[in-house]
Amino acid sequence: MEGSTLDRRPPQAAPPSNGFRRALLLVERVTKEAVWDCRMCGQCILHSTGLSCPMRCPKNLRNGPCGGTLQNGNCEVVPEMKCVWVSAWEGSRRMPLWRDHILHVEPPVDWRLQGTSSWENLVTGRDRHVPSGWTGQRPGDLEPRA
């Protein structure tokens, strides 16, 4: 029955209500902060970093260690803290599905998404925006660009 109320679909998914957004953000924040010490960057790449949040790095490095990692694997900025990227590498080796994603170069952080839900941003595609001039891999690409 073409044209029936069962057949009509909105041309585009309606944006979630503010109440739903707040609830989603609260659940994500509570869960991810407790489990992964998440910094709520809005562009989560935990699966690519061995379930270690790279935004915990005191230098906010999203693509690997700074080169100042101490011999014991700790951070040069906060010597009593294990380097986030040492933890990321070790975690990635235990992940059968995404173990090599740590080798992909991630685009720069879009700081406009700080404090927003990465789950919502993933669904809406907001986390796939990259700055003009970026020639590397884009979020969601399965293979690095040539």
N, C-alpha and C. Protein backbone atom coordinates (compact mmCIF):
# COMPACT_ATOMS: atom_id res chain seq x y z
N MET A 1 0.84 -1.19 0.00
CA MET A 1 0.00 0.00 0.00
C MET A 1 0.88 1.24 0.00
N GLU A 2 1.19 1.70 -1.16
CA GLU A 2 2.01 2.88 -1.27
C GLU A 2 1.25 4.09 -0.74
N GLY A 3 1.94 4.93 0.00
CA GLY A 3 1.32 6.14 0.52
C GLY A 3 0.63 5.93 1.85
N SER A 4 0.56 4.71 2.34
CA SER A 4 -0.06 4.48 3.64
C SER A 4 0.85 5.01 4.74
N THR A 5 0.29 5.17 5.92
CA THR A 5 1.08 5.69 7.03
C THR A 5 2.22 4.74 7.40
N LEU A 6 2.06 3.46 7.12
CA LEU A 6 3.12 2.51 7.43
C LEU A 6 4.30 2.64 6.47
N ASP A 7 4.04 3.15 5.27
CA ASP A 7 5.07 3.25 4.25
C ASP A 7 5.85 4.56 4.32
N ARG A 8 5.31 5.56 5.00
CA ARG A 8 5.97 6.87 5.03
C ARG A 8 7.14 6.85 5.99
N ARG A 9 8.23 7.34 5.51
CA ARG A 9 9.43 7.46 6.34
C ARG A 9 9.93 8.89 6.24
N PRO A 10 10.46 9.42 7.29
CA PRO A 10 11.02 10.77 7.17
C PRO A 10 12.19 10.73 6.20
N PRO A 11 12.40 11.79 5.43
CA PRO A 11 13.50 11.80 4.47
C PRO A 11 14.86 11.65 5.15
N GLN A 12 14.92 12.04 6.39
CA GLN A 12 16.17 12.00 7.13
C GLN A 12 15.81 11.71 8.58
N ALA A 13 16.66 11.01 9.28
CA ALA A 13 16.38 10.73 10.69
C ALA A 13 16.31 12.04 11.47
N ALA A 14 15.31 12.14 12.30
CA ALA A 14 15.17 13.34 13.12
C ALA A 14 16.27 13.36 14.17
N PRO A 15 16.78 14.55 14.49
CA PRO A 15 17.81 14.61 15.52
C PRO A 15 17.23 14.20 16.87
N PRO A 16 18.05 13.60 17.71
CA PRO A 16 17.54 13.18 19.02
C PRO A 16 17.13 14.39 19.85
N SER A 17 16.18 14.18 20.73
CA SER A 17 15.73 15.26 21.61
C SER A 17 16.84 15.63 22.58
N ASN A 18 16.75 16.83 23.13
CA ASN A 18 17.77 17.26 24.10
C ASN A 18 17.79 16.36 25.32
N GLY A 19 16.62 15.87 25.74
CA GLY A 19 16.58 14.96 26.89
C GLY A 19 17.32 13.66 26.60
N PHE A 20 17.12 13.13 25.40
CA PHE A 20 17.82 11.91 25.01
C PHE A 20 19.32 12.17 24.92
N ARG A 21 19.70 13.30 24.35
CA ARG A 21 21.13 13.65 24.23
C ARG A 21 21.79 13.73 25.61
N ARG A 22 21.12 14.40 26.53
CA ARG A 22 21.69 14.53 27.89
C ARG A 22 21.83 13.17 28.55
N ALA A 23 20.81 12.33 28.39
CA ALA A 23 20.86 10.99 28.99
C ALA A 23 21.98 10.16 28.36
N LEU A 24 22.09 10.21 27.04
CA LEU A 24 23.15 9.47 26.34
C LEU A 24 24.53 9.94 26.79
N LEU A 25 24.71 11.25 26.87
CA LEU A 25 25.98 11.81 27.30
C LEU A 25 26.31 11.39 28.73
N LEU A 26 25.32 11.41 29.60
CA LEU A 26 25.54 11.02 30.99
C LEU A 26 25.96 9.55 31.09
N VAL A 27 25.25 8.67 30.39
CA VAL A 27 25.59 7.24 30.41
C VAL A 27 27.00 7.03 29.85
N GLU A 28 27.30 7.68 28.72
CA GLU A 28 28.63 7.52 28.12
C GLU A 28 29.72 8.04 29.05
N ARG A 29 29.51 9.22 29.63
CA ARG A 29 30.51 9.82 30.50
C ARG A 29 30.78 8.94 31.72
N VAL A 30 29.72 8.52 32.39
CA VAL A 30 29.87 7.71 33.60
C VAL A 30 30.57 6.39 33.28
N THR A 31 30.14 5.74 32.21
CA THR A 31 30.72 4.45 31.83
C THR A 31 32.18 4.59 31.42
N LYS A 32 32.44 5.47 30.48
CA LYS A 32 33.79 5.56 29.91
C LYS A 32 34.80 6.18 30.87
N GLU A 33 34.35 7.13 31.71
CA GLU A 33 35.29 7.68 32.70
C GLU A 33 35.67 6.62 33.72
N ALA A 34 34.69 5.83 34.16
CA ALA A 34 34.96 4.81 35.17
C ALA A 34 35.84 3.68 34.63
N VAL A 35 35.59 3.25 33.41
CA VAL A 35 36.30 2.10 32.87
C VAL A 35 37.62 2.48 32.21
N TRP A 36 37.64 3.57 31.42
CA TRP A 36 38.83 3.91 30.63
C TRP A 36 39.45 5.26 30.97
N ASP A 37 38.97 5.92 32.03
CA ASP A 37 39.46 7.26 32.39
C ASP A 37 39.34 8.20 31.19
N CYS A 38 38.21 8.11 30.51
CA CYS A 38 37.93 8.86 29.28
C CYS A 38 37.94 10.36 29.54
N ARG A 39 38.38 11.12 28.54
CA ARG A 39 38.42 12.58 28.61
C ARG A 39 37.32 13.24 27.77
N MET A 40 36.41 12.43 27.21
CA MET A 40 35.25 12.92 26.46
C MET A 40 35.64 13.88 25.34
N CYS A 41 36.52 13.41 24.47
CA CYS A 41 36.96 14.24 23.33
C CYS A 41 35.89 14.30 22.24
N GLY A 42 34.93 13.38 22.26
CA GLY A 42 33.88 13.37 21.26
C GLY A 42 34.23 12.60 20.00
N GLN A 43 35.45 12.04 19.94
CA GLN A 43 35.92 11.30 18.76
C GLN A 43 36.67 10.07 19.23
N CYS A 44 35.98 9.18 19.89
CA CYS A 44 36.61 8.05 20.55
C CYS A 44 37.33 7.11 19.57
N ILE A 45 38.57 6.78 19.93
CA ILE A 45 39.34 5.81 19.14
C ILE A 45 39.88 4.70 20.05
N LEU A 46 39.15 4.41 21.13
CA LEU A 46 39.60 3.37 22.06
C LEU A 46 39.89 2.05 21.36
N HIS A 47 39.08 1.68 20.38
CA HIS A 47 39.31 0.41 19.68
C HIS A 47 40.63 0.43 18.93
N SER A 48 41.11 1.60 18.55
CA SER A 48 42.38 1.71 17.81
C SER A 48 43.59 1.82 18.72
N THR A 49 43.34 2.04 20.00
CA THR A 49 44.45 2.27 20.93
C THR A 49 44.44 1.27 22.08
N GLY A 50 44.05 0.06 21.79
CA GLY A 50 44.10 -0.99 22.80
C GLY A 50 43.28 -0.70 24.04
N LEU A 51 42.17 0.03 23.87
CA LEU A 51 41.28 0.43 24.97
C LEU A 51 41.99 1.32 25.98
N SER A 52 42.93 2.11 25.52
CA SER A 52 43.62 3.09 26.35
C SER A 52 43.33 4.47 25.75
N CYS A 53 42.72 5.35 26.52
CA CYS A 53 42.33 6.66 25.99
C CYS A 53 43.57 7.52 25.73
N PRO A 54 43.86 7.85 24.46
CA PRO A 54 45.06 8.63 24.16
C PRO A 54 44.98 10.06 24.68
N MET A 55 43.78 10.54 24.98
CA MET A 55 43.65 11.90 25.48
C MET A 55 44.12 12.02 26.93
N ARG A 56 44.46 10.91 27.56
CA ARG A 56 45.05 10.95 28.90
C ARG A 56 46.52 11.35 28.84
N CYS A 57 47.10 11.33 27.65
CA CYS A 57 48.50 11.75 27.49
C CYS A 57 48.62 13.21 27.90
N PRO A 58 49.55 13.55 28.80
CA PRO A 58 49.70 14.95 29.21
C PRO A 58 49.98 15.91 28.04
N LYS A 59 50.50 15.38 26.95
CA LYS A 59 50.78 16.22 25.77
C LYS A 59 49.65 16.14 24.74
N ASN A 60 48.56 15.43 25.08
CA ASN A 60 47.42 15.26 24.17
C ASN A 60 47.81 14.68 22.83
N LEU A 61 48.76 13.75 22.82
CA LEU A 61 49.20 13.14 21.56
C LEU A 61 48.24 12.04 21.15
N ARG A 62 47.72 12.14 19.96
CA ARG A 62 46.74 11.18 19.46
C ARG A 62 47.37 10.12 18.57
N ASN A 63 48.64 10.28 18.22
CA ASN A 63 49.27 9.36 17.26
C ASN A 63 50.60 8.81 17.75
N GLY A 64 50.62 8.27 18.92
CA GLY A 64 51.83 7.60 19.38
C GLY A 64 52.64 8.42 20.36
N PRO A 65 53.63 7.78 20.95
CA PRO A 65 54.42 8.42 22.00
C PRO A 65 55.27 9.57 21.48
N CYS A 66 55.63 10.44 22.39
CA CYS A 66 56.38 11.65 22.05
C CYS A 66 57.86 11.40 21.84
N GLY A 67 58.33 10.28 22.27
CA GLY A 67 59.77 10.01 22.18
C GLY A 67 60.45 10.25 23.52
N GLY A 68 59.69 10.73 24.48
CA GLY A 68 60.25 10.99 25.80
C GLY A 68 59.84 9.96 26.83
N THR A 69 59.40 8.81 26.38
CA THR A 69 59.01 7.75 27.30
C THR A 69 60.25 7.29 28.06
N LEU A 70 60.13 7.18 29.37
CA LEU A 70 61.25 6.75 30.20
C LEU A 70 61.55 5.27 29.98
N GLN A 71 62.72 4.83 30.40
CA GLN A 71 63.12 3.44 30.18
C GLN A 71 62.18 2.44 30.84
N ASN A 72 61.55 2.84 31.94
CA ASN A 72 60.62 1.94 32.62
C ASN A 72 59.22 1.96 32.01
N GLY A 73 59.03 2.72 30.91
CA GLY A 73 57.74 2.79 30.23
C GLY A 73 56.83 3.88 30.76
N ASN A 74 57.34 4.69 31.68
CA ASN A 74 56.53 5.77 32.23
C ASN A 74 56.67 7.05 31.42
N CYS A 75 55.79 7.98 31.70
CA CYS A 75 55.70 9.26 31.00
C CYS A 75 56.80 10.21 31.48
N GLU A 76 57.39 10.98 30.56
CA GLU A 76 58.41 11.95 30.96
C GLU A 76 57.80 13.16 31.66
N VAL A 77 56.54 13.48 31.37
CA VAL A 77 55.89 14.64 31.98
C VAL A 77 55.38 14.30 33.37
N VAL A 78 54.78 13.13 33.51
CA VAL A 78 54.26 12.65 34.79
C VAL A 78 54.95 11.32 35.06
N PRO A 79 56.17 11.35 35.63
CA PRO A 79 56.99 10.13 35.75
C PRO A 79 56.35 8.98 36.54
N GLU A 80 55.40 9.28 37.40
CA GLU A 80 54.76 8.19 38.16
C GLU A 80 53.63 7.52 37.37
N MET A 81 53.35 8.02 36.17
CA MET A 81 52.27 7.47 35.33
C MET A 81 52.88 6.68 34.17
N LYS A 82 52.30 5.50 33.92
CA LYS A 82 52.73 4.72 32.75
C LYS A 82 52.36 5.50 31.49
N CYS A 83 53.24 5.49 30.51
CA CYS A 83 52.95 6.17 29.24
C CYS A 83 51.67 5.60 28.64
N VAL A 84 50.76 6.48 28.27
CA VAL A 84 49.49 6.07 27.68
C VAL A 84 49.74 5.21 26.45
N TRP A 85 50.78 5.55 25.69
CA TRP A 85 51.04 4.83 24.44
C TRP A 85 51.71 3.48 24.66
N VAL A 86 52.41 3.30 25.77
CA VAL A 86 52.91 1.97 26.12
C VAL A 86 51.70 1.08 26.45
N SER A 87 50.77 1.63 27.24
CA SER A 87 49.54 0.88 27.55
C SER A 87 48.73 0.59 26.29
N ALA A 88 48.67 1.56 25.38
CA ALA A 88 47.91 1.38 24.13
C ALA A 88 48.51 0.26 23.30
N TRP A 89 49.83 0.25 23.18
CA TRP A 89 50.48 -0.80 22.39
C TRP A 89 50.23 -2.18 23.00
N GLU A 90 50.43 -2.28 24.32
CA GLU A 90 50.22 -3.56 25.00
C GLU A 90 48.77 -4.02 24.85
N GLY A 91 47.82 -3.09 25.00
CA GLY A 91 46.41 -3.44 24.84
C GLY A 91 46.06 -3.85 23.42
N SER A 92 46.65 -3.16 22.45
CA SER A 92 46.35 -3.48 21.05
C SER A 92 46.81 -4.88 20.68
N ARG A 93 47.87 -5.35 21.30
CA ARG A 93 48.37 -6.70 21.01
C ARG A 93 47.41 -7.77 21.51
N ARG A 94 46.53 -7.43 22.45
CA ARG A 94 45.56 -8.39 22.99
C ARG A 94 44.22 -8.34 22.25
N MET A 95 44.08 -7.45 21.28
CA MET A 95 42.80 -7.28 20.58
C MET A 95 42.85 -7.97 19.22
N PRO A 96 42.16 -9.08 19.07
CA PRO A 96 42.25 -9.81 17.80
C PRO A 96 41.67 -9.05 16.61
N LEU A 97 40.61 -8.30 16.80
CA LEU A 97 39.94 -7.66 15.67
C LEU A 97 40.61 -6.36 15.23
N TRP A 98 40.99 -5.52 16.18
CA TRP A 98 41.52 -4.20 15.84
C TRP A 98 43.00 -4.05 16.16
N ARG A 99 43.72 -5.12 16.33
CA ARG A 99 45.10 -5.05 16.81
C ARG A 99 46.01 -4.17 15.96
N ASP A 100 45.80 -4.09 14.65
CA ASP A 100 46.67 -3.29 13.80
C ASP A 100 46.17 -1.87 13.56
N HIS A 101 45.01 -1.53 14.12
CA HIS A 101 44.51 -0.16 13.96
C HIS A 101 45.41 0.85 14.65
N ILE A 102 46.18 0.42 15.61
CA ILE A 102 47.10 1.34 16.29
C ILE A 102 48.16 1.86 15.32
N LEU A 103 48.36 1.17 14.22
CA LEU A 103 49.35 1.59 13.22
C LEU A 103 48.82 2.67 12.29
N HIS A 104 47.51 2.93 12.30
CA HIS A 104 46.91 3.96 11.45
C HIS A 104 47.16 5.35 12.06
N VAL A 105 47.45 6.30 11.22
CA VAL A 105 47.60 7.69 11.68
C VAL A 105 46.21 8.30 11.76
N GLU A 106 45.87 8.81 12.94
CA GLU A 106 44.56 9.40 13.16
C GLU A 106 44.59 10.89 12.81
N PRO A 107 43.48 11.43 12.31
CA PRO A 107 43.44 12.86 12.03
C PRO A 107 43.50 13.67 13.32
N PRO A 108 43.81 14.95 13.22
CA PRO A 108 43.85 15.79 14.42
C PRO A 108 42.49 15.82 15.12
N VAL A 109 42.53 16.08 16.40
CA VAL A 109 41.31 16.17 17.20
C VAL A 109 40.53 17.41 16.78
N ASP A 110 39.23 17.26 16.63
CA ASP A 110 38.35 18.40 16.40
C ASP A 110 37.88 18.86 17.78
N TRP A 111 38.51 19.87 18.31
CA TRP A 111 38.24 20.31 19.68
C TRP A 111 36.83 20.87 19.85
N ARG A 112 36.14 21.13 18.76
CA ARG A 112 34.74 21.59 18.87
C ARG A 112 33.85 20.48 19.42
N LEU A 113 34.30 19.23 19.32
CA LEU A 113 33.49 18.10 19.80
C LEU A 113 33.79 17.74 21.26
N GLN A 114 34.75 18.41 21.88
CA GLN A 114 35.11 18.15 23.28
C GLN A 114 33.86 18.23 24.15
N GLY A 115 33.63 17.21 24.98
CA GLY A 115 32.51 17.18 25.90
C GLY A 115 31.20 16.69 25.29
N THR A 116 31.22 16.30 24.02
CA THR A 116 30.02 15.76 23.39
C THR A 116 30.09 14.23 23.36
N SER A 117 28.99 13.62 23.04
CA SER A 117 28.92 12.16 23.01
C SER A 117 29.57 11.61 21.75
N SER A 118 30.61 10.82 21.91
CA SER A 118 31.24 10.20 20.74
C SER A 118 30.30 9.18 20.10
N TRP A 119 29.40 8.61 20.90
CA TRP A 119 28.43 7.66 20.34
C TRP A 119 27.50 8.39 19.37
N GLU A 120 26.99 9.54 19.80
CA GLU A 120 26.12 10.33 18.92
C GLU A 120 26.91 10.83 17.71
N ASN A 121 28.13 11.28 17.93
CA ASN A 121 28.96 11.79 16.83
C ASN A 121 29.27 10.70 15.81
N LEU A 122 29.44 9.47 16.27
CA LEU A 122 29.68 8.35 15.37
C LEU A 122 28.46 8.10 14.48
N VAL A 123 27.29 8.09 15.10
CA VAL A 123 26.05 7.82 14.37
C VAL A 123 25.74 8.95 13.38
N THR A 124 25.97 10.19 13.79
CA THR A 124 25.63 11.33 12.93
C THR A 124 26.73 11.66 11.93
N GLY A 125 27.93 11.11 12.12
CA GLY A 125 29.03 11.38 11.20
C GLY A 125 29.85 12.60 11.56
N ARG A 126 29.51 13.28 12.65
CA ARG A 126 30.28 14.48 13.04
C ARG A 126 31.73 14.16 13.37
N ASP A 127 32.00 12.93 13.80
CA ASP A 127 33.37 12.57 14.16
C ASP A 127 34.24 12.28 12.94
N ARG A 128 33.68 12.34 11.76
CA ARG A 128 34.46 12.06 10.55
C ARG A 128 34.95 13.33 9.85
N HIS A 129 34.66 14.49 10.43
CA HIS A 129 35.15 15.75 9.85
C HIS A 129 36.66 15.85 10.07
N VAL A 130 37.37 16.21 9.04
CA VAL A 130 38.82 16.43 9.17
C VAL A 130 39.13 17.81 8.62
N PRO A 131 40.20 18.43 9.12
CA PRO A 131 40.53 19.77 8.64
C PRO A 131 40.94 19.77 7.18
N SER A 132 40.69 20.89 6.51
CA SER A 132 41.11 20.98 5.11
C SER A 132 42.63 20.86 5.08
N GLY A 133 43.12 20.21 4.07
CA GLY A 133 44.55 19.99 3.98
C GLY A 133 44.99 18.63 4.51
N TRP A 134 44.12 17.97 5.28
CA TRP A 134 44.46 16.65 5.82
C TRP A 134 44.45 15.64 4.68
N THR A 135 45.56 14.97 4.48
CA THR A 135 45.65 14.00 3.38
C THR A 135 45.74 12.58 3.88
N GLY A 136 45.77 12.40 5.18
CA GLY A 136 45.89 11.05 5.73
C GLY A 136 44.57 10.32 5.75
N GLN A 137 44.56 9.24 6.47
CA GLN A 137 43.38 8.40 6.60
C GLN A 137 42.27 9.19 7.28
N ARG A 138 41.06 8.98 6.84
CA ARG A 138 39.91 9.61 7.47
C ARG A 138 39.24 8.61 8.39
N PRO A 139 38.62 9.08 9.48
CA PRO A 139 37.92 8.15 10.36
C PRO A 139 36.92 7.32 9.57
N GLY A 140 36.90 6.05 9.82
CA GLY A 140 35.99 5.15 9.13
C GLY A 140 36.61 4.47 7.92
N ASP A 141 37.75 4.99 7.42
CA ASP A 141 38.44 4.33 6.32
C ASP A 141 38.98 2.99 6.81
N LEU A 142 38.85 1.97 6.01
CA LEU A 142 39.37 0.66 6.40
C LEU A 142 40.85 0.53 6.09
N GLU A 143 41.29 1.18 5.05
CA GLU A 143 42.70 1.11 4.65
C GLU A 143 43.27 2.52 4.58
N PRO A 144 44.54 2.68 4.91
CA PRO A 144 45.17 4.00 4.80
C PRO A 144 45.14 4.48 3.35
N ARG A 145 45.07 5.80 3.17
CA ARG A 145 45.09 6.38 1.83
C ARG A 145 46.49 6.34 1.26
N ALA A 146 46.58 6.18 -0.06
CA ALA A 146 47.89 6.14 -0.72
C ALA A 146 48.38 7.53 -1.01
